[in-house]
Each structure stands twice: as structure tokens, then as C-alpha cells.
Amino acid sequence: MPIKEYDINYNNVELNEYYTHLIWEKDLDEKLDFIAKEVLSYGFNNKNADCSIEEMIAISKYQFLQASSEKRFAYKLTQEENNENFKLPDNLINPENKNEEYKIKEKEFVKNPVKVIKEYAIYEANKEIDENDQEQVKWKNHCKEMVNKLTNLEPTYLETEKEAQPIIVTYLVGRERYINEVKSCNDILNKTKGGFFERFFRTTSNEYNNFKNTFRAYNDKNNQNYGNKEALKNAAIAYIRHKVPNLLEGEEPTYESIENLKGTAYERARLCISILDQFKDQEKMENLGNNFINFNNQVNDIEQNDFQKNLGNDLEENMEIKAQINDMDNEADKEIEMVNK
């Protein structure tokens, strides 16, 4: 079933290490095989993880869409060199894909990643193995358990995926801003602590305090503002405008607009822009994923309508044929009656 057979991962799941390897898998078909094997290895041999399996799947889908976006863009540029009127097909997830099975599989992964990974689990659970090899036996049994686990996860996964967005945003901001040194909201905020005098004399601005509190609430599952993207976006912009008051109304903050800031103010403003940029990328990936899903649904609707239309035509034809047969039967009965007379 897989194009590339990856080894079982016996190590603990570390999100940063996993994401780094995921980025390096450039081929989208093989990336899908890699994701499936890594997710199926979750919990094998009682290993630990610094993220939930739902978060692991959610960040996998996000990075898969990122890779698709990059490949689509590169393909579009190449095609436009020969045809300036070239239009990139809306349903083209992987321009390099020549495998029909994976074209379907990749579309389904964007729509329902748990279902696709479960198909891999079923494949692994049904593989022929050496029953004397205890590692193969353990892996097969683990995959059988994963089939059940993923089956139970599937109905609620999309809601869980939404809930995982703050974890993904914060992780990626920390990864981008601090070169993989930090993961959590508090780790990030500790990197932007004020100096001794700011803390001693409590001179931190209201705008930064508000940003800091909003960022913590965004990451706190027990807070009513957990995942409130708009609140965090507004708080980040408010802090930047506080430090760069010459920004025009409606002007979008950029790294260039804060280049005259110094020290802690500069680091805090950079953090705010990193968050704003990550929100933009998240929105772009969500739109891309929704575009693929909606296109597939439209195709399915068209196919279903064509099926219903053909079915209706077939029924009409059948009724006409039946009517003709009845007419022929009636004529035959009349002829028999005439002969009998």
C-alpha cells in the first residue's frame, strides 16, 4: 500500500523533532506515508509524547497543506513561463503526483486525515508477518488497537483540530522566533521579560501587559478566551501601535516598521508581528484546505446529480420499454382471439 515503507519509530514523540523531519519529507506522496507511520507509532511500546495524537495529526495536516501550497506556487510559476494565461486548477493538491491512488488519498487526507491514517492502520494490522518475531507481533497488535482508537477519534476529530490551533500557532511562533528553543506561551514570554528596572519600578506599558495576558488566555484551555484569535490579534497590533505611533490608520505592521525600536521593545514588537504572520499563514492554509474540500464536494454533487439524472432517464426508458411490451402483448392477445374465433 505505501509508496515508501518507513521504519517504526521507537522513540518518544517530540513535536519539534517530528515537525523537523516532516518538513524534510519533500515528496507529498511519501510525506503522507511518513505521517501515517509516525502517527501509528504513537504510544507503541508505551512510549511517551509531548503532544496529544490529535495535535500530532492536526500539525501534520497543516504542514502537508503548507507543502502543497509551495508546490502549487512553484508549478504555477513554471507553467506561466510557457503560458501567461495559465490558471492553476483549484483541485490540484500535488502537481508532481502521477499516482491515481494517491491523488484520491491526498484529497481525502485534507478532508478527513483520521480516516486515511486508519486505512494505513488496517493495512498494517492485516499484513502477513512472521508469527515467531515478537516485534512484528507486537506491532500488528498495536495497529489493531490503533484501528479502534482512530475509529473512536474520527467523529470528533474536526472539532478537536480547531481546538488544537492555539497549540500549533504558539509552537510555530516559538520555533520561528527562537530557533526551536521554546514551545509554550510562558517560554516565549520569558524571552521578552523586561530588565531589572522595568520590573522593579513596574514601568511595563498597559499595552504590553494586555498583550501578555491575552496571549496567555489564548493558550489557556480553562479560559473563556482560549483560541480567541481576534482578541490576540488586536492586542498585538495595539502594542505595536503604542511603540510605533506614526503607523497610519489601517496600515499593517511589518518588520520594517519596527526597525527603529531597540532592546526589549524591539523583541516584543517582533513577537507580535510573528504572531500576526502566523495567523495569516493559518488562515491561508485553512482556505486552501477548504477549497480542496469544497471542490471535491462539488464534484461529488455533480457526479451524484448525473447519477440521479441517468437513473431517471433509465427509469423513463424502462417505462417506455414496458409500455411497448404491453402493447405488443395486447396485439398478440388480439391476434390469438381472432384465430380462436
Protein backbone atom coordinates (compact mmCIF):
# COMPACT_ATOMS: atom_id res chain seq x y z
CA MET A 1 0.00 0.00 0.00
CA PRO A 2 2.58 2.69 0.92
CA ILE A 3 4.87 4.05 -1.78
CA LYS A 4 7.67 4.17 0.77
CA GLU A 5 7.89 1.88 3.80
CA TYR A 6 9.16 3.84 6.80
CA ASP A 7 10.58 2.18 9.91
CA ILE A 8 8.60 2.06 13.15
CA ASN A 9 9.59 4.96 15.39
CA TYR A 10 10.57 3.52 18.77
CA ASN A 11 11.48 6.92 20.27
CA ASN A 12 9.25 9.15 22.37
CA VAL A 13 7.19 11.60 20.33
CA GLU A 14 8.78 15.04 20.47
CA LEU A 15 6.78 17.56 18.46
CA ASN A 16 9.80 19.64 17.48
CA GLU A 17 11.78 16.66 16.21
CA TYR A 18 8.75 15.25 14.41
CA TYR A 19 7.94 18.56 12.72
CA THR A 20 11.55 18.97 11.58
CA HIS A 21 11.52 15.53 9.94
CA LEU A 22 8.09 16.23 8.46
CA ILE A 23 9.36 19.38 6.70
CA TRP A 24 12.28 17.44 5.21
CA GLU A 25 9.94 14.94 3.54
CA LYS A 26 9.56 16.94 0.33
CA ASP A 27 7.59 14.46 -1.80
CA LEU A 28 3.92 14.78 -0.84
CA ASP A 29 3.14 11.11 -1.52
CA GLU A 30 6.00 9.99 0.71
CA LYS A 31 5.13 12.66 3.25
CA LEU A 32 1.71 11.06 3.60
CA ASP A 33 3.33 7.64 4.16
CA PHE A 34 5.68 9.21 6.73
CA ILE A 35 2.83 10.90 8.61
CA ALA A 36 0.85 7.66 8.78
CA LYS A 37 3.77 5.57 10.11
CA GLU A 38 4.73 8.22 12.69
CA VAL A 39 1.16 8.63 13.94
CA LEU A 40 0.68 4.86 14.08
CA SER A 41 3.88 4.65 16.16
CA TYR A 42 2.24 6.91 18.76
CA GLY A 43 2.19 5.07 22.08
CA PHE A 44 3.91 1.94 20.71
CA ASN A 45 5.87 0.13 23.44
CA ASN A 46 4.35 2.57 25.97
CA LYS A 47 6.48 5.44 24.73
CA ASN A 48 5.69 8.99 25.87
CA ALA A 49 4.70 12.07 23.88
CA ASP A 50 4.79 15.82 24.47
CA CYS A 51 1.60 16.31 22.45
CA SER A 52 -1.72 14.52 22.02
CA ILE A 53 -2.32 12.31 18.99
CA GLU A 54 -4.96 14.82 17.81
CA GLU A 55 -2.39 17.64 17.95
CA MET A 56 0.10 15.47 16.08
CA ILE A 57 -2.43 14.80 13.30
CA ALA A 58 -3.51 18.47 13.18
CA ILE A 59 0.04 19.79 12.76
CA SER A 60 0.69 17.07 10.16
CA LYS A 61 -2.26 18.25 8.09
CA TYR A 62 -1.16 21.89 8.47
CA GLN A 63 2.38 21.15 7.24
CA PHE A 64 1.02 18.95 4.43
CA LEU A 65 -1.05 21.92 3.22
CA GLN A 66 2.00 24.19 3.53
CA ALA A 67 3.98 21.83 1.31
CA SER A 68 1.09 21.67 -1.15
CA SER A 69 0.91 25.48 -1.26
CA GLU A 70 4.64 25.73 -2.01
CA LYS A 71 4.48 23.10 -4.75
CA ARG A 72 1.41 24.71 -6.32
CA PHE A 73 3.15 28.09 -6.37
CA ALA A 74 6.34 26.70 -7.93
CA TYR A 75 4.31 24.76 -10.51
CA LYS A 76 2.27 27.86 -11.38
CA LEU A 77 5.42 29.91 -11.99
CA THR A 78 6.87 27.18 -14.23
CA GLN A 79 3.68 26.88 -16.29
CA GLU A 80 3.33 30.66 -16.67
CA GLU A 81 6.74 30.80 -18.36
CA ASN A 82 5.19 28.98 -21.34
CA ASN A 83 1.62 30.21 -20.97
CA GLU A 84 0.92 33.57 -19.34
CA ASN A 85 -2.81 32.75 -19.24
CA PHE A 86 -2.26 29.54 -17.31
CA LYS A 87 -4.77 29.01 -14.49
CA LEU A 88 -3.85 26.72 -11.64
CA PRO A 89 -6.58 24.06 -11.16
CA ASP A 90 -8.39 24.51 -7.85
CA ASN A 91 -8.27 20.81 -7.06
CA LEU A 92 -4.55 20.35 -7.71
CA ILE A 93 -3.07 19.36 -4.35
CA ASN A 94 0.11 17.81 -5.71
CA PRO A 95 1.33 18.93 -9.18
CA GLU A 96 4.02 16.22 -9.14
CA ASN A 97 1.57 13.40 -8.44
CA LYS A 98 1.31 10.71 -11.11
CA ASN A 99 -0.21 8.07 -8.86
CA GLU A 100 -4.00 7.95 -9.17
CA GLU A 101 -4.42 6.18 -5.83
CA TYR A 102 -2.50 8.93 -4.02
CA LYS A 103 -4.40 11.70 -5.78
CA ILE A 104 -7.54 10.37 -4.12
CA LYS A 105 -5.76 9.60 -0.84
CA GLU A 106 -4.31 13.12 -0.54
CA LYS A 107 -7.67 14.78 -1.13
CA GLU A 108 -9.22 12.51 1.47
CA PHE A 109 -6.40 13.29 3.91
CA VAL A 110 -7.15 17.02 3.70
CA LYS A 111 -10.84 16.32 4.24
CA ASN A 112 -10.55 13.57 6.85
CA PRO A 113 -6.97 12.78 7.99
CA VAL A 114 -8.05 10.30 10.68
CA LYS A 115 -9.87 8.15 8.12
CA VAL A 116 -6.79 7.95 5.88
CA ILE A 117 -4.43 7.11 8.76
CA LYS A 118 -6.91 4.46 9.87
CA GLU A 119 -6.66 2.88 6.40
CA TYR A 120 -2.90 2.61 6.93
CA ALA A 121 -3.56 1.03 10.34
CA ILE A 122 -5.88 -1.55 8.77
CA TYR A 123 -3.23 -2.32 6.17
CA GLU A 124 -0.57 -2.82 8.87
CA ALA A 125 -2.93 -4.90 11.03
CA ASN A 126 -3.68 -7.26 8.12
CA LYS A 127 -0.13 -7.69 6.81
CA GLU A 128 1.41 -11.13 6.70
CA ILE A 129 4.08 -11.41 9.40
CA ASP A 130 6.47 -13.90 10.93
CA GLU A 131 4.48 -15.04 13.96
CA ASN A 132 7.73 -16.07 15.67
CA ASP A 133 9.02 -12.50 15.51
CA GLN A 134 7.71 -10.88 18.71
CA GLU A 135 8.35 -7.32 17.49
CA GLN A 136 6.23 -7.93 14.38
CA VAL A 137 3.51 -9.49 16.53
CA LYS A 138 3.54 -6.52 18.94
CA TRP A 139 3.40 -4.04 16.07
CA LYS A 140 0.50 -5.86 14.42
CA ASN A 141 -1.44 -5.94 17.70
CA HIS A 142 -0.66 -2.26 18.29
CA CYS A 143 -2.03 -1.39 14.84
CA LYS A 144 -5.22 -3.33 15.60
CA GLU A 145 -5.61 -1.19 18.73
CA MET A 146 -4.93 1.94 16.66
CA VAL A 147 -7.75 0.98 14.27
CA ASN A 148 -10.16 1.06 17.22
CA LYS A 149 -8.61 4.24 18.64
CA LEU A 150 -8.84 6.09 15.32
CA THR A 151 -12.38 4.82 14.74
CA ASN A 152 -13.42 6.37 18.06
CA LEU A 153 -11.50 9.56 17.30
CA GLU A 154 -12.90 10.11 13.81
CA PRO A 155 -16.38 11.51 14.66
CA THR A 156 -15.00 14.29 16.90
CA TYR A 157 -11.64 14.94 15.24
CA LEU A 158 -12.54 18.06 13.22
CA GLU A 159 -13.70 19.81 16.40
CA THR A 160 -10.50 18.73 18.15
CA GLU A 161 -8.50 20.06 15.20
CA LYS A 162 -9.97 23.53 15.79
CA GLU A 163 -9.12 23.30 19.49
CA ALA A 164 -5.51 22.44 18.63
CA GLN A 165 -4.92 25.64 16.66
CA PRO A 166 -3.58 27.72 19.60
CA ILE A 167 -1.04 24.99 20.38
CA ILE A 168 0.08 24.90 16.74
CA VAL A 169 0.26 28.71 16.40
CA THR A 170 2.23 29.14 19.63
CA TYR A 171 4.58 26.27 18.84
CA LEU A 172 5.32 27.61 15.34
CA VAL A 173 5.82 31.16 16.62
CA GLY A 174 8.30 29.87 19.19
CA ARG A 175 10.02 27.76 16.55
CA GLU A 176 10.35 30.65 14.13
CA ARG A 177 11.28 33.35 16.65
CA TYR A 178 13.61 31.41 18.93
CA ILE A 179 15.06 28.68 16.71
CA ASN A 180 13.36 25.71 18.34
CA GLU A 181 14.40 26.69 21.88
CA VAL A 182 10.87 27.19 23.17
CA LYS A 183 7.47 25.58 22.80
CA SER A 184 5.00 27.08 25.24
CA CYS A 185 3.44 30.51 25.72
CA ASN A 186 5.31 31.02 29.00
CA ASP A 187 8.61 30.02 27.39
CA ILE A 188 8.06 32.68 24.74
CA LEU A 189 7.04 35.39 27.19
CA ASN A 190 10.08 34.64 29.37
CA LYS A 191 12.23 35.53 26.36
CA THR A 192 10.73 39.03 26.32
CA LYS A 193 10.94 39.84 30.01
CA GLY A 194 11.79 43.42 30.86
CA GLY A 195 15.04 44.37 32.56
CA PHE A 196 15.57 44.82 36.30
CA PHE A 197 14.46 48.46 36.40
CA GLU A 198 11.32 47.83 34.37
CA ARG A 199 10.31 45.05 36.73
CA PHE A 200 11.37 46.93 39.88
CA PHE A 201 9.61 50.20 39.01
CA ARG A 202 6.74 48.40 37.22
CA THR A 203 7.02 50.53 34.12
CA THR A 204 5.71 47.89 31.70
CA SER A 205 3.14 49.52 29.41
CA ASN A 206 -0.56 48.71 29.72
CA GLU A 207 -0.47 47.68 26.06
CA TYR A 208 2.19 45.03 26.61
CA ASN A 209 0.54 43.79 29.81
CA ASN A 210 -2.71 43.43 27.87
CA PHE A 211 -0.93 41.57 25.06
CA LYS A 212 0.79 39.27 27.55
CA ASN A 213 -2.46 38.46 29.38
CA THR A 214 -4.32 37.93 26.10
CA PHE A 215 -1.58 35.63 24.80
CA ARG A 216 -1.80 33.55 28.00
CA ALA A 217 -5.61 33.41 27.77
CA TYR A 218 -5.34 32.34 24.12
CA ASN A 219 -3.31 29.32 25.28
CA ASP A 220 -5.29 28.51 28.45
CA LYS A 221 -7.91 25.83 27.81
CA ASN A 222 -9.68 26.86 31.03
CA ASN A 223 -10.02 30.48 29.94
CA GLN A 224 -13.09 31.70 28.06
CA ASN A 225 -10.76 33.41 25.58
CA TYR A 226 -8.90 30.19 24.71
CA GLY A 227 -8.20 30.27 20.99
CA ASN A 228 -9.65 33.79 20.60
CA LYS A 229 -7.64 34.79 17.56
CA GLU A 230 -9.22 38.22 17.12
CA ALA A 231 -8.51 39.25 20.71
CA LEU A 232 -4.84 38.28 20.42
CA LYS A 233 -4.53 39.90 17.00
CA ASN A 234 -5.96 43.18 18.32
CA ALA A 235 -3.72 43.10 21.39
CA ALA A 236 -0.62 42.53 19.24
CA ILE A 237 -1.50 45.40 16.89
CA ALA A 238 -2.29 47.68 19.84
CA TYR A 239 1.17 47.10 21.34
CA ILE A 240 2.93 47.76 18.02
CA ARG A 241 0.91 50.97 17.51
CA HIS A 242 1.83 52.01 21.05
CA LYS A 243 5.54 51.67 20.20
CA VAL A 244 5.23 52.94 16.62
CA PRO A 245 2.61 55.72 16.86
CA ASN A 246 3.34 57.01 13.33
CA LEU A 247 1.69 53.95 11.74
CA LEU A 248 -1.20 55.12 9.58
CA GLU A 249 -4.76 54.05 10.36
CA GLY A 250 -5.31 50.63 8.81
CA GLU A 251 -1.61 50.25 7.95
CA GLU A 252 -0.36 46.73 8.54
CA PRO A 253 2.63 46.46 10.89
CA THR A 254 5.78 44.97 9.31
CA TYR A 255 9.30 44.22 10.46
CA GLU A 256 10.41 47.32 8.57
CA SER A 257 8.01 49.49 10.55
CA ILE A 258 9.63 48.49 13.87
CA GLU A 259 13.29 48.58 12.81
CA ASN A 260 13.99 51.76 14.81
CA LEU A 261 12.94 50.16 18.10
CA LYS A 262 15.63 48.99 20.49
CA GLY A 263 16.14 46.27 23.11
CA THR A 264 13.12 44.72 24.80
CA ALA A 265 10.64 46.88 22.87
CA TYR A 266 12.05 45.58 19.59
CA GLU A 267 11.89 41.93 20.74
CA ARG A 268 8.31 42.34 21.92
CA ALA A 269 7.23 44.01 18.70
CA ARG A 270 8.90 41.25 16.67
CA LEU A 271 6.99 38.67 18.71
CA CYS A 272 3.72 40.46 17.96
CA ILE A 273 4.46 40.52 14.23
CA SER A 274 5.43 36.81 14.32
CA ILE A 275 2.01 36.03 15.79
CA LEU A 276 0.23 38.15 13.18
CA ASP A 277 2.20 36.44 10.39
CA GLN A 278 1.37 33.00 11.79
CA PHE A 279 -2.33 33.88 11.88
CA LYS A 280 -2.12 34.87 8.20
CA ASP A 281 -0.45 31.58 7.31
CA GLN A 282 -3.01 29.61 9.33
CA GLU A 283 -5.84 31.38 7.53
CA LYS A 284 -4.19 30.74 4.16
CA MET A 285 -3.85 27.00 4.91
CA GLU A 286 -7.44 26.80 6.18
CA ASN A 287 -8.70 28.47 2.99
CA LEU A 288 -6.59 26.17 0.83
CA GLY A 289 -7.88 23.09 2.67
CA ASN A 290 -11.48 24.30 2.47
CA ASN A 291 -11.01 24.99 -1.24
CA PHE A 292 -9.89 21.40 -1.84
CA ILE A 293 -12.74 20.03 0.29
CA ASN A 294 -15.43 22.21 -1.30
CA PHE A 295 -14.18 21.37 -4.80
CA ASN A 296 -14.37 17.66 -4.00
CA ASN A 297 -17.87 18.09 -2.59
CA GLN A 298 -18.93 19.93 -5.76
CA VAL A 299 -17.51 17.13 -7.90
CA ASN A 300 -19.34 14.58 -5.75
CA ASP A 301 -22.56 16.59 -6.06
CA ILE A 302 -22.18 16.76 -9.84
CA GLU A 303 -21.49 13.03 -10.01
CA GLN A 304 -24.47 12.34 -7.75
CA ASN A 305 -26.72 14.60 -9.85
CA ASP A 306 -25.51 12.90 -13.03
CA PHE A 307 -26.20 9.54 -11.40
CA GLN A 308 -29.71 10.61 -10.39
CA LYS A 309 -30.30 12.08 -13.85
CA ASN A 310 -29.10 8.89 -15.55
CA LEU A 311 -31.16 6.85 -13.12
CA GLY A 312 -34.22 8.93 -14.02
CA ASN A 313 -33.50 8.50 -17.73
CA ASP A 314 -33.07 4.77 -17.24
CA LEU A 315 -36.41 4.59 -15.41
CA GLU A 316 -38.14 6.50 -18.21
CA GLU A 317 -36.59 4.22 -20.81
CA ASN A 318 -37.66 1.17 -18.79
CA MET A 319 -41.21 2.51 -18.56
CA GLU A 320 -41.28 3.12 -22.32
CA ILE A 321 -39.96 -0.38 -22.99
CA LYS A 322 -42.54 -1.87 -20.60
CA ALA A 323 -45.29 0.10 -22.35
CA GLN A 324 -44.10 -1.17 -25.73
CA ILE A 325 -44.02 -4.75 -24.40
CA ASN A 326 -47.56 -4.33 -23.03
CA ASP A 327 -48.75 -3.01 -26.41
CA MET A 328 -47.11 -5.96 -28.13
CA ASP A 329 -48.73 -8.37 -25.66
CA ASN A 330 -52.13 -6.79 -26.24
CA GLU A 331 -51.71 -7.06 -30.01
CA ALA A 332 -50.67 -10.69 -29.66
CA ASP A 333 -53.72 -11.43 -27.46
CA LYS A 334 -55.99 -9.84 -30.07
CA GLU A 335 -54.44 -11.96 -32.82
CA ILE A 336 -54.91 -15.13 -30.76
CA GLU A 337 -58.55 -14.21 -30.14
CA MET A 338 -59.12 -13.68 -33.86
CA VAL A 339 -57.58 -17.09 -34.68
CA ASN A 340 -59.70 -18.80 -31.98
CA LYS A 341 -62.85 -17.25 -33.44
